[in-house]
Amino acid sequence: MNTILKSIIWILLFGLISCEKNDNIKFHLDSIASSKYYSDEIIPADYQTIYGKWKLFKVSGGFGGDGYEPDYDYLEIKSIGIYGLVKNDSLFEYGKIVLDTFDYNTKKYLQIKLIPDYGLNPRMYPPEKYIDLRGDNLNLISSCCDWYNYHYKKIK
């Protein structure tokens, strides 16, 4: 009886261990020091949920208003003020986030400029963006209706 009980306990223990969830998501910006561009936090406290990995699911706007099919997979944002663009599991652009005020009439959104240090995605031009952050949704909105807006869902 004792042997059967020990066997059942071992089976249950190994079963629980094998069911352990692995939610490790790779961050391509981990190799870049947080202090690369700034020594102190630049993002206001009410926007710091922006840090993480975001899946690009839609690009809207442009001259015709239809946007285009997303041409990269993820946006990563790391403290302190570092962003990166990922396509096919490769970091193809990264740089710093600069707080900016390119529109003095708009107080509703945080205004930033994305300054690439490595790589360049020409469709992200111009670098000035409004940040519209709503829970697990992030929208990078261009300052003009003829430029593109990027829509993301947070994955980590």
N, C-alpha and C. Protein backbone atom coordinates (compact mmCIF):
# COMPACT_ATOMS: atom_id res chain seq x y z
N MET A 1 0.82 -1.20 0.00
CA MET A 1 0.00 0.00 0.00
C MET A 1 0.86 1.26 0.00
N ASN A 2 1.93 1.25 0.82
CA ASN A 2 2.84 2.38 0.92
C ASN A 2 3.52 2.63 -0.43
N THR A 3 3.90 1.58 -1.14
CA THR A 3 4.55 1.71 -2.44
C THR A 3 3.60 2.30 -3.48
N ILE A 4 2.36 1.90 -3.44
CA ILE A 4 1.36 2.42 -4.38
C ILE A 4 1.15 3.92 -4.12
N LEU A 5 1.04 4.31 -2.87
CA LEU A 5 0.86 5.71 -2.50
C LEU A 5 2.05 6.56 -2.95
N LYS A 6 3.27 6.07 -2.75
CA LYS A 6 4.48 6.79 -3.20
C LYS A 6 4.48 6.92 -4.72
N SER A 7 4.09 5.88 -5.42
CA SER A 7 4.05 5.91 -6.89
C SER A 7 3.05 6.95 -7.38
N ILE A 8 1.89 7.00 -6.75
CA ILE A 8 0.88 7.98 -7.15
C ILE A 8 1.39 9.40 -6.90
N ILE A 9 2.03 9.61 -5.76
CA ILE A 9 2.58 10.94 -5.44
C ILE A 9 3.63 11.34 -6.47
N TRP A 10 4.53 10.42 -6.85
CA TRP A 10 5.56 10.73 -7.85
C TRP A 10 4.93 11.04 -9.21
N ILE A 11 3.92 10.28 -9.60
CA ILE A 11 3.25 10.53 -10.89
C ILE A 11 2.60 11.91 -10.87
N LEU A 12 1.91 12.25 -9.80
CA LEU A 12 1.29 13.57 -9.69
C LEU A 12 2.33 14.69 -9.70
N LEU A 13 3.41 14.49 -9.00
CA LEU A 13 4.48 15.50 -8.94
C LEU A 13 5.08 15.74 -10.32
N PHE A 14 5.42 14.67 -11.03
CA PHE A 14 5.98 14.82 -12.37
C PHE A 14 4.96 15.40 -13.33
N GLY A 15 3.69 15.08 -13.14
CA GLY A 15 2.63 15.64 -13.98
C GLY A 15 2.51 17.14 -13.80
N LEU A 16 2.59 17.59 -12.56
CA LEU A 16 2.51 19.03 -12.29
C LEU A 16 3.71 19.78 -12.86
N ILE A 17 4.88 19.18 -12.74
CA ILE A 17 6.09 19.81 -13.25
C ILE A 17 6.03 19.92 -14.77
N SER A 18 5.54 18.89 -15.43
CA SER A 18 5.50 18.90 -16.90
C SER A 18 4.45 19.86 -17.43
N CYS A 19 3.48 20.24 -16.61
CA CYS A 19 2.44 21.17 -17.03
C CYS A 19 2.80 22.62 -16.76
N GLU A 20 3.98 22.87 -16.27
CA GLU A 20 4.41 24.23 -15.94
C GLU A 20 4.36 25.08 -17.19
N LYS A 21 3.71 26.23 -17.10
CA LYS A 21 3.56 27.12 -18.24
C LYS A 21 4.84 27.91 -18.48
N ASN A 22 5.25 27.97 -19.74
CA ASN A 22 6.44 28.72 -20.10
C ASN A 22 6.00 29.94 -20.90
N ASP A 23 5.96 31.11 -20.26
CA ASP A 23 5.55 32.32 -20.96
C ASP A 23 6.72 33.28 -21.15
N ASN A 24 7.90 32.71 -21.32
CA ASN A 24 9.07 33.53 -21.60
C ASN A 24 8.96 34.08 -23.01
N ILE A 25 8.88 35.37 -23.11
CA ILE A 25 8.82 36.03 -24.41
C ILE A 25 10.14 36.74 -24.61
N LYS A 26 10.73 36.52 -25.76
CA LYS A 26 12.04 37.09 -26.06
C LYS A 26 11.91 38.60 -26.28
N PHE A 27 12.78 39.35 -25.61
CA PHE A 27 12.89 40.78 -25.84
C PHE A 27 14.21 41.04 -26.54
N HIS A 28 14.13 41.56 -27.74
CA HIS A 28 15.33 41.82 -28.54
C HIS A 28 16.14 42.99 -27.99
N LEU A 29 15.53 43.85 -27.20
CA LEU A 29 16.23 45.01 -26.65
C LEU A 29 16.99 44.69 -25.37
N ASP A 30 16.90 43.44 -24.89
CA ASP A 30 17.59 43.08 -23.64
C ASP A 30 19.10 43.31 -23.71
N SER A 31 19.67 43.22 -24.89
CA SER A 31 21.12 43.39 -25.03
C SER A 31 21.55 44.87 -25.00
N ILE A 32 20.59 45.78 -25.01
CA ILE A 32 20.90 47.21 -25.00
C ILE A 32 20.71 47.74 -23.57
N ALA A 33 21.71 48.38 -23.04
CA ALA A 33 21.65 48.92 -21.67
C ALA A 33 20.54 49.96 -21.56
N SER A 34 19.79 49.91 -20.47
CA SER A 34 18.71 50.88 -20.25
C SER A 34 19.23 52.31 -20.21
N SER A 35 20.48 52.48 -19.83
CA SER A 35 21.06 53.82 -19.72
C SER A 35 21.76 54.29 -20.99
N LYS A 36 21.50 53.62 -22.11
CA LYS A 36 22.18 53.98 -23.37
C LYS A 36 21.93 55.44 -23.76
N TYR A 37 20.72 55.94 -23.59
CA TYR A 37 20.39 57.30 -24.02
C TYR A 37 20.14 58.26 -22.87
N TYR A 38 19.61 57.76 -21.77
CA TYR A 38 19.24 58.62 -20.65
C TYR A 38 19.68 57.97 -19.34
N SER A 39 19.90 58.80 -18.32
CA SER A 39 20.23 58.26 -17.00
C SER A 39 19.01 58.25 -16.08
N ASP A 40 18.00 59.04 -16.40
CA ASP A 40 16.77 59.12 -15.60
C ASP A 40 15.56 58.84 -16.49
N GLU A 41 14.50 58.41 -15.87
CA GLU A 41 13.26 58.10 -16.57
C GLU A 41 12.73 59.35 -17.29
N ILE A 42 12.31 59.19 -18.54
CA ILE A 42 11.76 60.31 -19.30
C ILE A 42 10.26 60.19 -19.53
N ILE A 43 9.74 58.97 -19.47
CA ILE A 43 8.32 58.75 -19.73
C ILE A 43 7.52 59.09 -18.46
N PRO A 44 6.50 59.94 -18.58
CA PRO A 44 5.67 60.27 -17.41
C PRO A 44 5.05 59.02 -16.78
N ALA A 45 4.82 59.07 -15.48
CA ALA A 45 4.34 57.90 -14.73
C ALA A 45 3.05 57.31 -15.30
N ASP A 46 2.13 58.15 -15.75
CA ASP A 46 0.86 57.62 -16.26
C ASP A 46 0.98 57.00 -17.65
N TYR A 47 2.16 57.02 -18.25
CA TYR A 47 2.40 56.37 -19.55
C TYR A 47 3.39 55.22 -19.45
N GLN A 48 3.87 54.87 -18.27
CA GLN A 48 4.92 53.86 -18.15
C GLN A 48 4.44 52.45 -18.44
N THR A 49 3.15 52.24 -18.60
CA THR A 49 2.67 50.93 -19.05
C THR A 49 3.00 50.70 -20.52
N ILE A 50 3.58 51.68 -21.15
CA ILE A 50 4.00 51.55 -22.54
C ILE A 50 5.17 50.57 -22.69
N TYR A 51 5.92 50.37 -21.60
CA TYR A 51 7.07 49.47 -21.68
C TYR A 51 6.60 48.03 -21.87
N GLY A 52 7.25 47.34 -22.82
CA GLY A 52 6.90 45.95 -23.09
C GLY A 52 6.99 45.64 -24.56
N LYS A 53 6.34 44.55 -24.96
CA LYS A 53 6.35 44.08 -26.34
C LYS A 53 4.94 44.20 -26.90
N TRP A 54 4.84 44.81 -28.07
CA TRP A 54 3.57 45.12 -28.70
C TRP A 54 3.50 44.49 -30.10
N LYS A 55 2.42 43.80 -30.38
CA LYS A 55 2.20 43.16 -31.69
C LYS A 55 1.51 44.17 -32.60
N LEU A 56 2.13 44.44 -33.75
CA LEU A 56 1.52 45.33 -34.74
C LEU A 56 0.42 44.55 -35.47
N PHE A 57 -0.81 45.05 -35.40
CA PHE A 57 -1.89 44.34 -36.07
C PHE A 57 -2.54 45.15 -37.19
N LYS A 58 -2.28 46.45 -37.24
CA LYS A 58 -2.91 47.26 -38.28
C LYS A 58 -2.12 48.53 -38.51
N VAL A 59 -2.08 48.95 -39.78
CA VAL A 59 -1.53 50.25 -40.15
C VAL A 59 -2.63 50.98 -40.90
N SER A 60 -3.02 52.15 -40.41
CA SER A 60 -4.09 52.91 -41.05
C SER A 60 -3.56 54.25 -41.54
N GLY A 61 -4.42 54.97 -42.22
CA GLY A 61 -4.06 56.31 -42.68
C GLY A 61 -3.37 56.29 -44.02
N GLY A 62 -2.51 57.25 -44.24
CA GLY A 62 -1.85 57.40 -45.53
C GLY A 62 -2.69 58.27 -46.46
N PHE A 63 -2.18 58.53 -47.63
CA PHE A 63 -2.84 59.44 -48.57
C PHE A 63 -4.25 58.99 -48.92
N GLY A 64 -4.43 57.69 -49.17
CA GLY A 64 -5.75 57.18 -49.51
C GLY A 64 -6.57 56.79 -48.30
N GLY A 65 -5.95 56.76 -47.11
CA GLY A 65 -6.66 56.43 -45.89
C GLY A 65 -6.76 54.95 -45.59
N ASP A 66 -6.28 54.09 -46.51
CA ASP A 66 -6.42 52.64 -46.34
C ASP A 66 -5.27 52.00 -45.60
N GLY A 67 -4.20 52.74 -45.33
CA GLY A 67 -3.03 52.16 -44.67
C GLY A 67 -2.32 51.18 -45.59
N TYR A 68 -1.68 50.20 -45.01
CA TYR A 68 -1.01 49.15 -45.78
C TYR A 68 -0.86 47.93 -44.88
N GLU A 69 -0.52 46.82 -45.48
CA GLU A 69 -0.30 45.59 -44.72
C GLU A 69 0.92 45.77 -43.83
N PRO A 70 0.83 45.43 -42.53
CA PRO A 70 1.98 45.61 -41.64
C PRO A 70 3.25 44.96 -42.20
N ASP A 71 4.37 45.70 -42.14
CA ASP A 71 5.63 45.20 -42.72
C ASP A 71 6.65 44.83 -41.65
N TYR A 72 6.22 44.78 -40.40
CA TYR A 72 7.05 44.24 -39.32
C TYR A 72 6.12 43.65 -38.27
N ASP A 73 6.68 42.94 -37.30
CA ASP A 73 5.86 42.17 -36.38
C ASP A 73 5.61 42.85 -35.04
N TYR A 74 6.67 43.40 -34.44
CA TYR A 74 6.57 43.89 -33.07
C TYR A 74 7.26 45.24 -32.89
N LEU A 75 6.74 45.98 -31.92
CA LEU A 75 7.39 47.16 -31.38
C LEU A 75 7.76 46.80 -29.95
N GLU A 76 9.02 46.98 -29.59
CA GLU A 76 9.44 46.79 -28.21
C GLU A 76 9.81 48.16 -27.65
N ILE A 77 9.39 48.40 -26.42
CA ILE A 77 9.72 49.65 -25.75
C ILE A 77 10.31 49.30 -24.39
N LYS A 78 11.51 49.79 -24.16
CA LYS A 78 12.27 49.46 -22.95
C LYS A 78 12.60 50.76 -22.21
N SER A 79 12.60 50.67 -20.87
CA SER A 79 13.04 51.84 -20.12
C SER A 79 14.56 51.93 -20.29
N ILE A 80 15.16 52.99 -20.38
CA ILE A 80 14.63 54.33 -20.23
C ILE A 80 14.60 54.96 -21.63
N GLY A 81 13.40 54.97 -22.26
CA GLY A 81 13.22 55.64 -23.54
C GLY A 81 13.87 54.97 -24.73
N ILE A 82 13.80 53.64 -24.82
CA ILE A 82 14.39 52.91 -25.96
C ILE A 82 13.28 52.17 -26.69
N TYR A 83 13.28 52.25 -28.02
CA TYR A 83 12.30 51.51 -28.81
C TYR A 83 13.04 50.63 -29.81
N GLY A 84 12.37 49.60 -30.28
CA GLY A 84 12.92 48.72 -31.31
C GLY A 84 11.82 48.15 -32.16
N LEU A 85 12.11 47.90 -33.43
CA LEU A 85 11.18 47.27 -34.35
C LEU A 85 11.72 45.89 -34.71
N VAL A 86 10.84 44.88 -34.67
CA VAL A 86 11.24 43.49 -34.88
C VAL A 86 10.45 42.91 -36.05
N LYS A 87 11.19 42.25 -36.95
CA LYS A 87 10.57 41.54 -38.06
C LYS A 87 11.26 40.19 -38.21
N ASN A 88 10.47 39.14 -38.35
CA ASN A 88 11.01 37.78 -38.50
C ASN A 88 12.04 37.46 -37.42
N ASP A 89 11.72 37.80 -36.19
CA ASP A 89 12.55 37.51 -35.01
C ASP A 89 13.92 38.21 -35.05
N SER A 90 14.01 39.32 -35.79
CA SER A 90 15.25 40.10 -35.87
C SER A 90 14.95 41.57 -35.60
N LEU A 91 15.78 42.17 -34.79
CA LEU A 91 15.69 43.60 -34.52
C LEU A 91 16.28 44.34 -35.72
N PHE A 92 15.44 45.07 -36.46
CA PHE A 92 15.96 45.76 -37.64
C PHE A 92 16.05 47.27 -37.47
N GLU A 93 15.52 47.78 -36.38
CA GLU A 93 15.67 49.20 -36.07
C GLU A 93 15.53 49.38 -34.57
N TYR A 94 16.38 50.22 -34.00
CA TYR A 94 16.19 50.64 -32.61
C TYR A 94 16.74 52.05 -32.46
N GLY A 95 16.29 52.69 -31.40
CA GLY A 95 16.74 54.05 -31.15
C GLY A 95 16.12 54.59 -29.88
N LYS A 96 16.16 55.91 -29.78
CA LYS A 96 15.66 56.54 -28.56
C LYS A 96 14.33 57.24 -28.80
N ILE A 97 13.59 57.30 -27.72
CA ILE A 97 12.34 58.05 -27.70
C ILE A 97 12.65 59.42 -27.09
N VAL A 98 12.25 60.45 -27.78
CA VAL A 98 12.44 61.82 -27.30
C VAL A 98 11.07 62.41 -27.04
N LEU A 99 10.87 62.97 -25.85
CA LEU A 99 9.63 63.69 -25.59
C LEU A 99 9.67 64.98 -26.41
N ASP A 100 8.56 65.28 -27.06
CA ASP A 100 8.53 66.39 -27.99
C ASP A 100 7.20 67.12 -27.84
N THR A 101 7.16 68.35 -28.27
CA THR A 101 5.91 69.09 -28.35
C THR A 101 5.87 69.71 -29.73
N PHE A 102 5.40 68.92 -30.70
CA PHE A 102 5.30 69.41 -32.06
C PHE A 102 3.92 70.02 -32.33
N ASP A 103 2.98 69.80 -31.41
CA ASP A 103 1.63 70.33 -31.55
C ASP A 103 1.22 70.96 -30.22
N TYR A 104 1.30 72.25 -30.13
CA TYR A 104 0.99 72.95 -28.88
C TYR A 104 -0.50 72.96 -28.57
N ASN A 105 -1.34 72.65 -29.56
CA ASN A 105 -2.78 72.68 -29.36
C ASN A 105 -3.33 71.36 -28.82
N THR A 106 -2.55 70.30 -28.86
CA THR A 106 -3.01 68.99 -28.40
C THR A 106 -2.37 68.64 -27.07
N LYS A 107 -3.19 68.56 -26.04
CA LYS A 107 -2.71 68.20 -24.71
C LYS A 107 -3.16 66.80 -24.31
N LYS A 108 -4.05 66.20 -25.12
CA LYS A 108 -4.66 64.92 -24.80
C LYS A 108 -3.67 63.76 -24.86
N TYR A 109 -2.69 63.83 -25.76
CA TYR A 109 -1.76 62.73 -25.98
C TYR A 109 -0.33 63.14 -25.61
N LEU A 110 0.45 62.15 -25.20
CA LEU A 110 1.88 62.35 -25.05
C LEU A 110 2.46 62.45 -26.45
N GLN A 111 3.35 63.40 -26.67
CA GLN A 111 3.96 63.59 -27.98
C GLN A 111 5.42 63.17 -27.91
N ILE A 112 5.81 62.32 -28.86
CA ILE A 112 7.18 61.79 -28.88
C ILE A 112 7.76 61.91 -30.28
N LYS A 113 9.06 61.68 -30.32
CA LYS A 113 9.78 61.57 -31.59
C LYS A 113 10.62 60.30 -31.49
N LEU A 114 10.57 59.45 -32.51
CA LEU A 114 11.37 58.22 -32.55
C LEU A 114 12.62 58.50 -33.38
N ILE A 115 13.78 58.46 -32.73
CA ILE A 115 15.04 58.78 -33.39
C ILE A 115 15.84 57.48 -33.55
N PRO A 116 15.93 56.95 -34.78
CA PRO A 116 16.66 55.69 -34.96
C PRO A 116 18.16 55.85 -34.76
N ASP A 117 18.74 54.88 -34.09
CA ASP A 117 20.18 54.81 -33.88
C ASP A 117 20.78 53.73 -34.79
N TYR A 118 19.94 52.74 -35.10
CA TYR A 118 20.35 51.62 -35.96
C TYR A 118 19.16 51.29 -36.85
N GLY A 119 19.41 51.17 -38.15
CA GLY A 119 18.34 50.83 -39.07
C GLY A 119 17.43 52.02 -39.33
N LEU A 120 16.49 51.81 -40.24
CA LEU A 120 15.54 52.87 -40.57
C LEU A 120 14.35 52.25 -41.30
N ASN A 121 13.17 52.49 -40.79
CA ASN A 121 11.95 52.08 -41.47
C ASN A 121 11.35 53.34 -42.08
N PRO A 122 11.50 53.54 -43.40
CA PRO A 122 11.04 54.80 -44.00
C PRO A 122 9.55 55.04 -43.86
N ARG A 123 8.77 54.00 -43.68
CA ARG A 123 7.32 54.20 -43.53
C ARG A 123 6.96 54.77 -42.17
N MET A 124 7.87 54.71 -41.21
CA MET A 124 7.61 55.31 -39.89
C MET A 124 7.82 56.82 -39.92
N TYR A 125 8.19 57.36 -41.10
CA TYR A 125 8.39 58.80 -41.25
C TYR A 125 7.03 59.47 -41.23
N PRO A 126 6.88 60.60 -40.66
CA PRO A 126 7.84 61.36 -39.87
C PRO A 126 7.97 60.75 -38.47
N PRO A 127 9.04 61.08 -37.78
CA PRO A 127 9.28 60.44 -36.49
C PRO A 127 8.37 60.95 -35.36
N GLU A 128 7.67 62.05 -35.57
CA GLU A 128 6.79 62.60 -34.54
C GLU A 128 5.51 61.78 -34.48
N LYS A 129 5.15 61.37 -33.26
CA LYS A 129 3.94 60.55 -33.05
C LYS A 129 3.23 61.00 -31.78
N TYR A 130 1.91 60.88 -31.81
CA TYR A 130 1.10 61.00 -30.60
C TYR A 130 0.97 59.58 -30.03
N ILE A 131 1.02 59.46 -28.72
CA ILE A 131 0.80 58.16 -28.07
C ILE A 131 -0.62 58.13 -27.52
N ASP A 132 -1.40 57.19 -28.04
CA ASP A 132 -2.74 56.93 -27.53
C ASP A 132 -2.69 55.56 -26.88
N LEU A 133 -2.66 55.53 -25.56
CA LEU A 133 -2.48 54.30 -24.79
C LEU A 133 -3.77 54.00 -24.04
N ARG A 134 -4.38 52.86 -24.40
CA ARG A 134 -5.66 52.46 -23.79
C ARG A 134 -5.57 51.01 -23.36
N GLY A 135 -5.15 50.79 -22.12
CA GLY A 135 -5.02 49.43 -21.60
C GLY A 135 -3.98 48.64 -22.38
N ASP A 136 -4.40 47.55 -23.00
CA ASP A 136 -3.50 46.71 -23.80
C ASP A 136 -3.42 47.14 -25.25
N ASN A 137 -3.94 48.30 -25.58
CA ASN A 137 -3.88 48.82 -26.95
C ASN A 137 -3.03 50.08 -26.99
N LEU A 138 -2.16 50.13 -27.96
CA LEU A 138 -1.30 51.29 -28.18
C LEU A 138 -1.46 51.74 -29.62
N ASN A 139 -1.69 53.02 -29.79
CA ASN A 139 -1.78 53.61 -31.12
C ASN A 139 -0.72 54.69 -31.23
N LEU A 140 0.13 54.57 -32.23
CA LEU A 140 1.08 55.65 -32.56
C LEU A 140 0.46 56.41 -33.71
N ILE A 141 0.04 57.61 -33.43
CA ILE A 141 -0.71 58.40 -34.40
C ILE A 141 0.19 59.48 -34.97
N SER A 142 0.20 59.56 -36.29
CA SER A 142 1.00 60.59 -36.95
C SER A 142 0.35 61.95 -36.82
N SER A 143 1.16 62.96 -36.98
CA SER A 143 0.69 64.33 -36.76
C SER A 143 -0.08 64.90 -37.95
N CYS A 144 -0.16 64.16 -39.03
CA CYS A 144 -0.89 64.63 -40.21
C CYS A 144 -1.75 63.48 -40.75
N CYS A 145 -2.89 63.80 -41.29
CA CYS A 145 -3.83 62.78 -41.76
C CYS A 145 -3.30 61.97 -42.94
N ASP A 146 -2.32 62.48 -43.67
CA ASP A 146 -1.79 61.77 -44.84
C ASP A 146 -0.65 60.82 -44.49
N TRP A 147 -0.27 60.73 -43.24
CA TRP A 147 0.79 59.82 -42.82
C TRP A 147 0.17 58.63 -42.10
N TYR A 148 0.98 57.66 -41.77
CA TYR A 148 0.46 56.39 -41.26
C TYR A 148 0.36 56.36 -39.74
N ASN A 149 -0.63 55.61 -39.26
CA ASN A 149 -0.86 55.36 -37.83
C ASN A 149 -0.66 53.87 -37.59
N TYR A 150 -0.07 53.54 -36.46
CA TYR A 150 0.28 52.15 -36.15
C TYR A 150 -0.50 51.70 -34.92
N HIS A 151 -1.11 50.52 -35.02
CA HIS A 151 -2.00 50.01 -33.97
C HIS A 151 -1.44 48.69 -33.45
N TYR A 152 -1.27 48.61 -32.13
CA TYR A 152 -0.61 47.47 -31.48
C TYR A 152 -1.47 46.90 -30.37
N LYS A 153 -1.21 45.64 -30.07
CA LYS A 153 -1.79 44.93 -28.94
C LYS A 153 -0.66 44.44 -28.08
N LYS A 154 -0.73 44.68 -26.76
CA LYS A 154 0.37 44.29 -25.85
C LYS A 154 0.37 42.78 -25.66
N ILE A 155 1.57 42.19 -25.79
CA ILE A 155 1.69 40.76 -25.54
C ILE A 155 2.51 40.47 -24.29
N LYS A 156 3.30 41.40 -23.81
CA LYS A 156 4.09 41.21 -22.58
C LYS A 156 4.49 42.55 -22.01
